[in-house]
N, C-alpha and C. Protein backbone atom coordinates (compact mmCIF):
# COMPACT_ATOMS: atom_id res chain seq x y z
N UNK A 1 126.36 115.82 80.04
CA UNK A 1 126.24 115.48 78.73
C UNK A 1 127.47 114.30 78.35
N UNK A 2 127.13 113.38 77.39
CA UNK A 2 127.81 112.40 77.06
C UNK A 2 129.11 113.12 76.14
N UNK A 3 130.34 112.72 76.60
CA UNK A 3 131.56 113.11 75.94
C UNK A 3 131.54 113.04 74.40
N UNK A 4 131.09 111.75 73.95
CA UNK A 4 131.05 111.53 72.61
C UNK A 4 130.09 112.27 71.82
N UNK A 5 128.90 112.56 72.41
CA UNK A 5 127.81 113.33 71.75
C UNK A 5 128.41 114.78 71.75
N UNK A 6 129.08 115.35 72.79
CA UNK A 6 129.50 116.75 72.66
C UNK A 6 130.72 116.76 71.48
N UNK A 7 131.50 115.82 71.38
CA UNK A 7 132.43 115.84 70.24
C UNK A 7 131.87 115.71 69.12
N UNK A 8 130.81 114.95 68.81
CA UNK A 8 130.01 114.93 67.62
C UNK A 8 129.44 116.22 67.29
N UNK A 9 128.81 116.80 68.19
CA UNK A 9 128.20 118.06 68.07
C UNK A 9 129.21 119.23 67.50
N UNK A 10 130.46 119.05 68.15
CA UNK A 10 131.57 120.12 67.83
C UNK A 10 132.00 119.91 66.31
N UNK A 11 132.12 118.57 66.14
CA UNK A 11 132.43 118.27 64.51
C UNK A 11 131.46 118.87 63.65
N UNK A 12 130.21 118.64 64.12
CA UNK A 12 129.10 119.11 63.10
C UNK A 12 129.17 120.69 62.91
N UNK A 13 129.29 121.32 64.08
CA UNK A 13 129.35 122.61 64.00
C UNK A 13 130.62 123.19 63.24
N UNK A 14 131.74 122.48 63.29
CA UNK A 14 132.89 122.82 62.47
C UNK A 14 132.59 122.70 60.94
N UNK A 15 132.12 121.61 60.65
CA UNK A 15 131.74 121.23 59.32
C UNK A 15 130.92 122.29 58.70
N UNK A 16 129.86 122.73 59.51
CA UNK A 16 128.78 123.48 58.96
C UNK A 16 129.33 125.17 58.89
N UNK A 17 130.53 125.27 59.64
CA UNK A 17 131.17 126.63 59.61
C UNK A 17 131.99 126.91 58.33
N UNK A 18 132.33 125.74 57.69
CA UNK A 18 133.13 125.80 56.42
C UNK A 18 132.23 126.32 55.22
N UNK A 19 132.66 127.52 54.65
CA UNK A 19 131.80 128.01 53.57
C UNK A 19 131.52 126.93 52.48
N UNK A 20 130.11 126.81 52.12
CA UNK A 20 129.76 125.90 51.19
C UNK A 20 129.58 124.39 51.60
N UNK A 21 130.05 124.08 52.79
CA UNK A 21 130.00 122.73 53.27
C UNK A 21 128.58 122.24 53.45
N UNK A 22 127.58 123.07 53.95
CA UNK A 22 126.32 122.65 54.27
C UNK A 22 125.66 122.24 52.85
N UNK A 23 125.81 123.26 51.83
CA UNK A 23 125.18 122.91 50.51
C UNK A 23 125.84 121.59 49.90
N UNK A 24 127.13 121.36 50.05
CA UNK A 24 127.86 120.16 49.66
C UNK A 24 127.28 118.92 50.25
N UNK A 25 127.08 118.97 51.39
CA UNK A 25 126.49 117.85 52.18
C UNK A 25 125.15 117.49 51.69
N UNK A 26 124.27 118.61 51.48
CA UNK A 26 122.88 118.36 50.97
C UNK A 26 122.92 117.73 49.60
N UNK A 27 123.91 118.37 48.68
CA UNK A 27 124.01 117.82 47.41
C UNK A 27 124.42 116.33 47.46
N UNK A 28 125.38 115.90 48.26
CA UNK A 28 125.80 114.66 48.26
C UNK A 28 124.71 113.67 48.80
N UNK A 29 123.80 114.04 49.73
CA UNK A 29 122.64 113.20 50.10
C UNK A 29 121.65 113.05 49.16
N UNK A 30 121.63 114.03 48.05
CA UNK A 30 120.63 113.69 47.02
C UNK A 30 121.20 113.13 46.00
N UNK A 31 122.39 112.77 45.94
CA UNK A 31 123.14 112.11 44.76
C UNK A 31 122.71 110.70 44.84
N UNK A 32 122.47 109.93 43.65
CA UNK A 32 122.18 108.40 43.68
C UNK A 32 123.50 107.71 44.02
N UNK A 33 123.30 106.77 44.75
CA UNK A 33 124.43 105.80 45.36
C UNK A 33 125.38 105.32 44.12
N UNK A 34 124.69 104.93 42.82
CA UNK A 34 125.38 104.56 41.69
C UNK A 34 126.26 105.47 41.19
N UNK A 35 126.00 106.71 41.42
CA UNK A 35 126.89 107.78 40.82
C UNK A 35 128.06 108.22 41.71
N UNK A 36 128.13 107.53 43.05
CA UNK A 36 129.16 107.89 43.78
C UNK A 36 130.48 107.14 43.54
N UNK A 37 131.63 107.75 43.82
CA UNK A 37 132.75 107.15 43.58
C UNK A 37 132.96 105.77 44.51
N UNK A 38 133.66 104.80 43.99
CA UNK A 38 133.81 103.58 44.71
C UNK A 38 135.42 103.51 45.24
N UNK A 39 136.06 104.36 44.58
CA UNK A 39 137.56 104.50 44.97
C UNK A 39 138.02 105.84 44.99
N UNK A 40 138.95 106.15 45.89
CA UNK A 40 139.34 107.57 45.98
C UNK A 40 140.67 107.72 45.31
N UNK A 41 141.00 108.98 44.73
CA UNK A 41 142.15 109.17 44.01
C UNK A 41 143.28 109.84 44.87
N UNK A 42 143.35 109.57 46.07
CA UNK A 42 144.25 110.30 46.90
C UNK A 42 145.53 109.39 46.90
């Protein structure tokens, strides 16, 4: 297996293990691009 692919799979599994992350990702995918932030407040 390609090392990059296995790292990507591990990251995906990690993100999906975080409570609420799956729903948050799905909600973000459904959001209109115009409604997304263009600058971060960090």
